[in-house]
N, C-alpha and C. Protein backbone atom coordinates (compact mmCIF):
# COMPACT_ATOMS: atom_id res chain seq x y z
N MET A 1 15.35 3.00 -11.42
CA MET A 1 13.86 2.89 -12.19
C MET A 1 13.06 3.01 -11.24
N ALA A 2 12.05 4.13 -12.01
CA ALA A 2 10.85 4.43 -11.46
C ALA A 2 9.53 3.58 -11.57
N VAL A 3 8.52 3.06 -10.50
CA VAL A 3 7.27 2.72 -10.94
C VAL A 3 6.34 3.53 -10.61
N ARG A 4 5.52 3.48 -12.20
CA ARG A 4 4.11 4.51 -12.21
C ARG A 4 3.17 3.37 -12.44
N PRO A 5 2.40 3.52 -11.40
CA PRO A 5 1.11 2.49 -11.64
C PRO A 5 0.30 3.21 -12.63
N LEU A 6 -1.12 1.96 -12.86
CA LEU A 6 -1.74 2.80 -14.42
C LEU A 6 -3.39 2.93 -13.68
N GLN A 7 -4.13 3.44 -14.10
CA GLN A 7 -5.59 3.85 -13.66
C GLN A 7 -5.29 4.48 -12.22
N ASP A 8 -6.22 3.15 -11.93
CA ASP A 8 -6.86 3.10 -10.21
C ASP A 8 -6.01 2.22 -9.52
N ARG A 9 -4.29 2.29 -9.79
CA ARG A 9 -3.84 1.22 -8.94
C ARG A 9 -2.59 2.33 -8.06
N VAL A 10 -2.33 1.84 -6.91
CA VAL A 10 -1.38 2.67 -6.62
C VAL A 10 0.04 1.55 -5.48
N LEU A 11 0.95 2.56 -5.85
CA LEU A 11 2.33 1.50 -5.01
C LEU A 11 2.64 1.84 -3.52
N ILE A 12 2.30 1.04 -3.03
CA ILE A 12 2.35 1.17 -1.41
C ILE A 12 3.52 0.31 -1.16
N LYS A 13 4.51 1.21 0.26
CA LYS A 13 5.34 0.17 1.05
C LYS A 13 5.18 -0.11 2.38
N ARG A 14 4.93 -1.43 2.48
CA ARG A 14 4.77 -1.84 3.93
C ARG A 14 5.69 -1.07 5.06
N VAL A 15 5.00 -0.36 5.87
CA VAL A 15 5.49 0.28 7.35
C VAL A 15 5.61 -1.28 8.21
N GLU A 16 6.74 -0.74 8.50
CA GLU A 16 7.16 -2.15 9.32
C GLU A 16 6.69 -1.97 10.61
N GLU A 17 6.34 -3.15 11.37
CA GLU A 17 5.57 -3.21 12.55
C GLU A 17 7.13 -3.17 13.56
N GLU A 18 6.50 -2.94 14.71
CA GLU A 18 7.68 -3.44 16.22
C GLU A 18 7.72 -4.99 16.29
N THR A 19 9.01 -5.04 16.95
CA THR A 19 9.05 -6.23 16.68
C THR A 19 9.47 -6.53 18.41
N LYS A 20 8.73 -5.82 19.40
CA LYS A 20 9.05 -5.83 20.60
C LYS A 20 7.13 -5.51 21.00
N THR A 21 6.90 -5.71 21.96
CA THR A 21 5.18 -5.86 22.75
C THR A 21 5.46 -5.15 23.82
N SER A 22 4.56 -4.13 23.93
CA SER A 22 4.42 -2.92 25.26
C SER A 22 5.24 -3.67 26.10
N GLY A 23 4.92 -5.02 26.32
CA GLY A 23 5.62 -5.41 27.66
C GLY A 23 6.78 -6.15 27.84
N GLY A 24 7.73 -5.65 26.51
CA GLY A 24 8.62 -5.81 26.23
C GLY A 24 9.54 -7.59 25.75
N ILE A 25 8.12 -7.90 25.32
CA ILE A 25 8.55 -9.08 24.77
C ILE A 25 9.10 -9.07 23.56
N ILE A 26 10.07 -9.71 22.81
CA ILE A 26 10.39 -9.77 21.40
C ILE A 26 9.72 -10.75 20.50
N ILE A 27 9.25 -10.29 19.28
CA ILE A 27 8.69 -11.19 18.42
C ILE A 27 9.47 -11.64 17.51
N PRO A 28 9.72 -13.23 17.37
CA PRO A 28 10.93 -13.64 16.59
C PRO A 28 10.16 -13.24 15.07
N ASP A 29 10.92 -13.37 14.09
CA ASP A 29 10.93 -13.16 12.79
C ASP A 29 9.78 -13.80 12.09
N ASN A 30 10.35 -15.43 12.79
CA ASN A 30 8.74 -16.64 11.69
C ASN A 30 7.60 -16.44 12.39
N HIS A 31 7.36 -15.80 13.58
CA HIS A 31 5.51 -15.59 13.83
C HIS A 31 4.87 -14.09 14.11
N LYS A 32 5.85 -13.45 13.15
CA LYS A 32 5.40 -12.11 13.07
C LYS A 32 4.37 -12.05 11.80
N GLU A 33 3.47 -11.28 11.72
CA GLU A 33 2.81 -11.18 10.46
C GLU A 33 3.02 -10.07 9.96
N LYS A 34 2.97 -9.83 8.26
CA LYS A 34 2.90 -8.82 7.19
C LYS A 34 1.78 -7.28 7.78
N PRO A 35 2.69 -6.77 7.89
CA PRO A 35 1.71 -5.58 8.56
C PRO A 35 0.59 -4.98 7.43
N ALA A 36 -0.40 -4.62 7.81
CA ALA A 36 -1.71 -4.49 7.10
C ALA A 36 -1.63 -2.94 6.88
N GLN A 37 -0.55 -2.29 6.80
CA GLN A 37 -0.72 -0.78 6.47
C GLN A 37 0.65 -0.52 5.82
N GLY A 38 0.96 0.77 5.42
CA GLY A 38 2.07 1.11 4.48
C GLY A 38 1.55 2.61 4.03
N GLU A 39 2.51 3.01 3.45
CA GLU A 39 3.00 4.78 2.95
C GLU A 39 2.57 4.60 1.28
N ILE A 40 1.80 5.32 0.81
CA ILE A 40 1.45 5.31 -0.79
C ILE A 40 2.72 6.16 -1.16
N ILE A 41 3.31 5.09 -2.44
CA ILE A 41 4.84 5.80 -2.65
C ILE A 41 4.07 6.35 -4.24
N ALA A 42 3.78 5.88 -5.31
CA ALA A 42 3.05 6.53 -6.56
C ALA A 42 1.81 6.30 -6.34
N THR A 43 0.67 7.07 -7.23
CA THR A 43 -0.56 6.77 -8.04
C THR A 43 -0.49 6.82 -9.30
N GLY A 44 -1.60 6.30 -9.66
CA GLY A 44 -2.28 6.35 -11.04
C GLY A 44 -2.86 7.48 -11.57
N THR A 45 -3.21 7.19 -12.61
CA THR A 45 -4.00 8.80 -12.86
C THR A 45 -5.59 9.00 -12.33
N GLY A 46 -6.29 7.88 -12.51
CA GLY A 46 -7.59 7.42 -11.81
C GLY A 46 -8.55 6.55 -12.59
N TYR A 47 -9.61 6.61 -12.13
CA TYR A 47 -10.47 5.76 -12.87
C TYR A 47 -11.23 6.40 -14.25
N ARG A 48 -10.88 5.21 -15.13
CA ARG A 48 -11.60 6.30 -16.56
C ARG A 48 -13.40 5.20 -16.58
N LEU A 49 -14.09 6.53 -16.42
CA LEU A 49 -15.79 6.46 -16.43
C LEU A 49 -16.25 6.16 -17.81
N ASN A 50 -17.24 5.97 -17.80
CA ASN A 50 -18.29 5.32 -18.90
C ASN A 50 -18.39 6.22 -20.24
N ASP A 51 -18.19 7.12 -19.60
CA ASP A 51 -18.00 8.70 -20.80
C ASP A 51 -16.73 9.23 -21.22
N GLY A 52 -15.84 8.28 -20.73
CA GLY A 52 -14.23 8.85 -21.25
C GLY A 52 -13.66 9.36 -20.45
N THR A 53 -14.49 9.96 -19.01
CA THR A 53 -13.77 11.24 -18.44
C THR A 53 -13.04 10.59 -17.68
N VAL A 54 -12.13 10.99 -16.72
CA VAL A 54 -11.36 10.34 -15.49
C VAL A 54 -11.31 10.96 -14.32
N ARG A 55 -11.95 10.13 -13.09
CA ARG A 55 -12.18 10.50 -12.27
C ARG A 55 -10.74 10.27 -10.97
N ALA A 56 -10.12 11.30 -10.43
CA ALA A 56 -8.73 11.44 -9.81
C ALA A 56 -9.21 10.48 -8.23
N LEU A 57 -8.20 10.01 -8.24
CA LEU A 57 -7.83 9.26 -6.80
C LEU A 57 -8.38 10.08 -5.68
N ASP A 58 -8.86 9.22 -4.65
CA ASP A 58 -9.18 10.08 -3.12
C ASP A 58 -8.00 10.02 -2.49
N VAL A 59 -6.98 9.05 -2.45
CA VAL A 59 -5.61 8.70 -2.15
C VAL A 59 -4.57 9.91 -2.98
N LYS A 60 -3.56 10.43 -1.88
CA LYS A 60 -2.52 11.19 -2.23
C LYS A 60 -1.28 10.35 -1.95
N VAL A 61 -0.28 10.90 -2.76
CA VAL A 61 1.39 10.30 -2.29
C VAL A 61 1.58 10.72 -1.11
N GLY A 62 2.47 9.52 -0.32
CA GLY A 62 2.58 10.28 1.50
C GLY A 62 1.59 9.77 2.20
N ASP A 63 0.36 9.34 2.03
CA ASP A 63 -1.01 8.94 2.73
C ASP A 63 -0.43 7.74 3.43
N LYS A 64 -0.83 7.45 4.63
CA LYS A 64 -0.98 6.39 5.47
C LYS A 64 -1.92 5.62 5.37
N VAL A 65 -2.26 3.79 4.67
CA VAL A 65 -3.07 3.92 4.52
C VAL A 65 -3.11 2.17 4.88
N LEU A 66 -4.79 1.49 5.73
CA LEU A 66 -4.65 0.58 6.05
C LEU A 66 -5.11 -0.57 4.59
N PHE A 67 -4.80 -1.81 4.54
CA PHE A 67 -5.53 -2.57 3.61
C PHE A 67 -5.41 -4.22 4.33
N GLY A 68 -5.88 -5.02 3.44
CA GLY A 68 -6.30 -6.13 3.43
C GLY A 68 -5.06 -7.02 3.86
N LYS A 69 -5.22 -7.83 4.31
CA LYS A 69 -3.88 -8.91 5.09
C LYS A 69 -3.48 -9.23 3.12
N TYR A 70 -4.38 -10.12 2.45
CA TYR A 70 -4.06 -10.17 1.30
C TYR A 70 -4.20 -9.53 0.05
N ALA A 71 -4.49 -8.56 -0.05
CA ALA A 71 -4.91 -7.40 -1.05
C ALA A 71 -3.59 -7.40 -1.91
N GLY A 72 -4.04 -7.08 -2.89
CA GLY A 72 -2.66 -6.73 -4.04
C GLY A 72 -1.89 -7.59 -4.15
N THR A 73 -0.60 -6.98 -5.12
CA THR A 73 0.30 -8.05 -5.73
C THR A 73 1.73 -7.76 -4.94
N GLU A 74 2.40 -8.31 -4.43
CA GLU A 74 3.69 -8.22 -3.84
C GLU A 74 4.48 -7.97 -5.35
N VAL A 75 5.66 -6.86 -5.37
CA VAL A 75 6.41 -6.53 -6.13
C VAL A 75 8.04 -6.21 -5.80
N LYS A 76 9.22 -7.00 -6.66
CA LYS A 76 10.24 -6.53 -5.97
C LYS A 76 11.06 -5.44 -7.23
N VAL A 77 11.17 -4.17 -6.55
CA VAL A 77 11.93 -3.37 -7.68
C VAL A 77 13.20 -2.44 -7.24
N GLU A 78 14.28 -2.41 -7.83
CA GLU A 78 15.65 -2.34 -7.28
C GLU A 78 15.88 -2.71 -5.63
N GLY A 79 15.31 -3.76 -5.29
CA GLY A 79 15.96 -4.32 -3.88
C GLY A 79 14.88 -3.75 -3.11
N GLY A 80 13.84 -3.11 -3.39
CA GLY A 80 12.83 -2.94 -2.49
C GLY A 80 11.53 -3.84 -2.97
N GLU A 81 10.57 -3.85 -1.36
CA GLU A 81 9.72 -4.62 -1.64
C GLU A 81 8.46 -4.05 -1.47
N TYR A 82 7.36 -3.95 -2.84
CA TYR A 82 6.14 -3.27 -2.72
C TYR A 82 5.01 -3.74 -3.01
N ILE A 83 4.15 -3.37 -2.92
CA ILE A 83 2.63 -3.73 -3.17
C ILE A 83 1.96 -3.02 -3.92
N ILE A 84 1.30 -3.70 -5.46
CA ILE A 84 0.62 -2.64 -6.16
C ILE A 84 -0.76 -3.40 -5.97
N MET A 85 -1.50 -2.52 -6.05
CA MET A 85 -3.04 -2.59 -5.49
C MET A 85 -3.84 -1.35 -6.54
N LYS A 86 -5.48 -1.90 -6.22
CA LYS A 86 -6.04 -1.12 -7.00
C LYS A 86 -6.56 -0.19 -5.55
N GLU A 87 -7.43 0.89 -5.65
CA GLU A 87 -7.75 1.95 -4.50
C GLU A 87 -8.53 1.47 -4.07
N ASP A 88 -9.72 0.64 -4.66
CA ASP A 88 -10.71 -0.13 -3.96
C ASP A 88 -10.51 -1.14 -2.76
N ASP A 89 -9.18 -1.62 -2.78
CA ASP A 89 -8.28 -2.73 -1.75
C ASP A 89 -8.01 -1.77 -0.56
N ILE A 90 -8.20 -0.68 -0.47
CA ILE A 90 -7.53 0.09 0.27
C ILE A 90 -8.55 0.21 1.48
N LEU A 91 -8.72 -0.15 2.48
CA LEU A 91 -9.65 -0.13 3.78
C LEU A 91 -9.85 1.60 3.94
N GLY A 92 -8.97 2.14 4.69
CA GLY A 92 -8.86 3.34 5.19
C GLY A 92 -7.61 4.11 4.76
N VAL A 93 -7.61 5.48 5.48
CA VAL A 93 -6.40 6.12 5.29
C VAL A 93 -5.94 6.81 6.91
N LEU A 94 -5.11 6.37 7.32
CA LEU A 94 -4.66 6.79 8.97
C LEU A 94 -4.49 8.14 8.97
N GLU A 95 -4.79 9.08 9.90
CA GLU A 95 -5.09 10.41 9.81
C GLU A 95 -3.83 10.74 10.97
């Protein structure tokens, strides 16, 4: 089953962070924060403007993005964990 976000929403898979610091200290699972970056898996068609036309999204599938800690809605699809959020909730694209 595939998920196709609607309108100006995107489907993001979180990028897992390292479990070890640069100094070699291992971070236990209960103290790790959820990463605030991920990869766009799917996008909607875009914004519907007042005149009825559709403006395409600025991001595309495959982009690595930064987003807020509490942005979007977490969903589980076929055993995978994803986030669906509006493009406005994306803070930036990693180049």
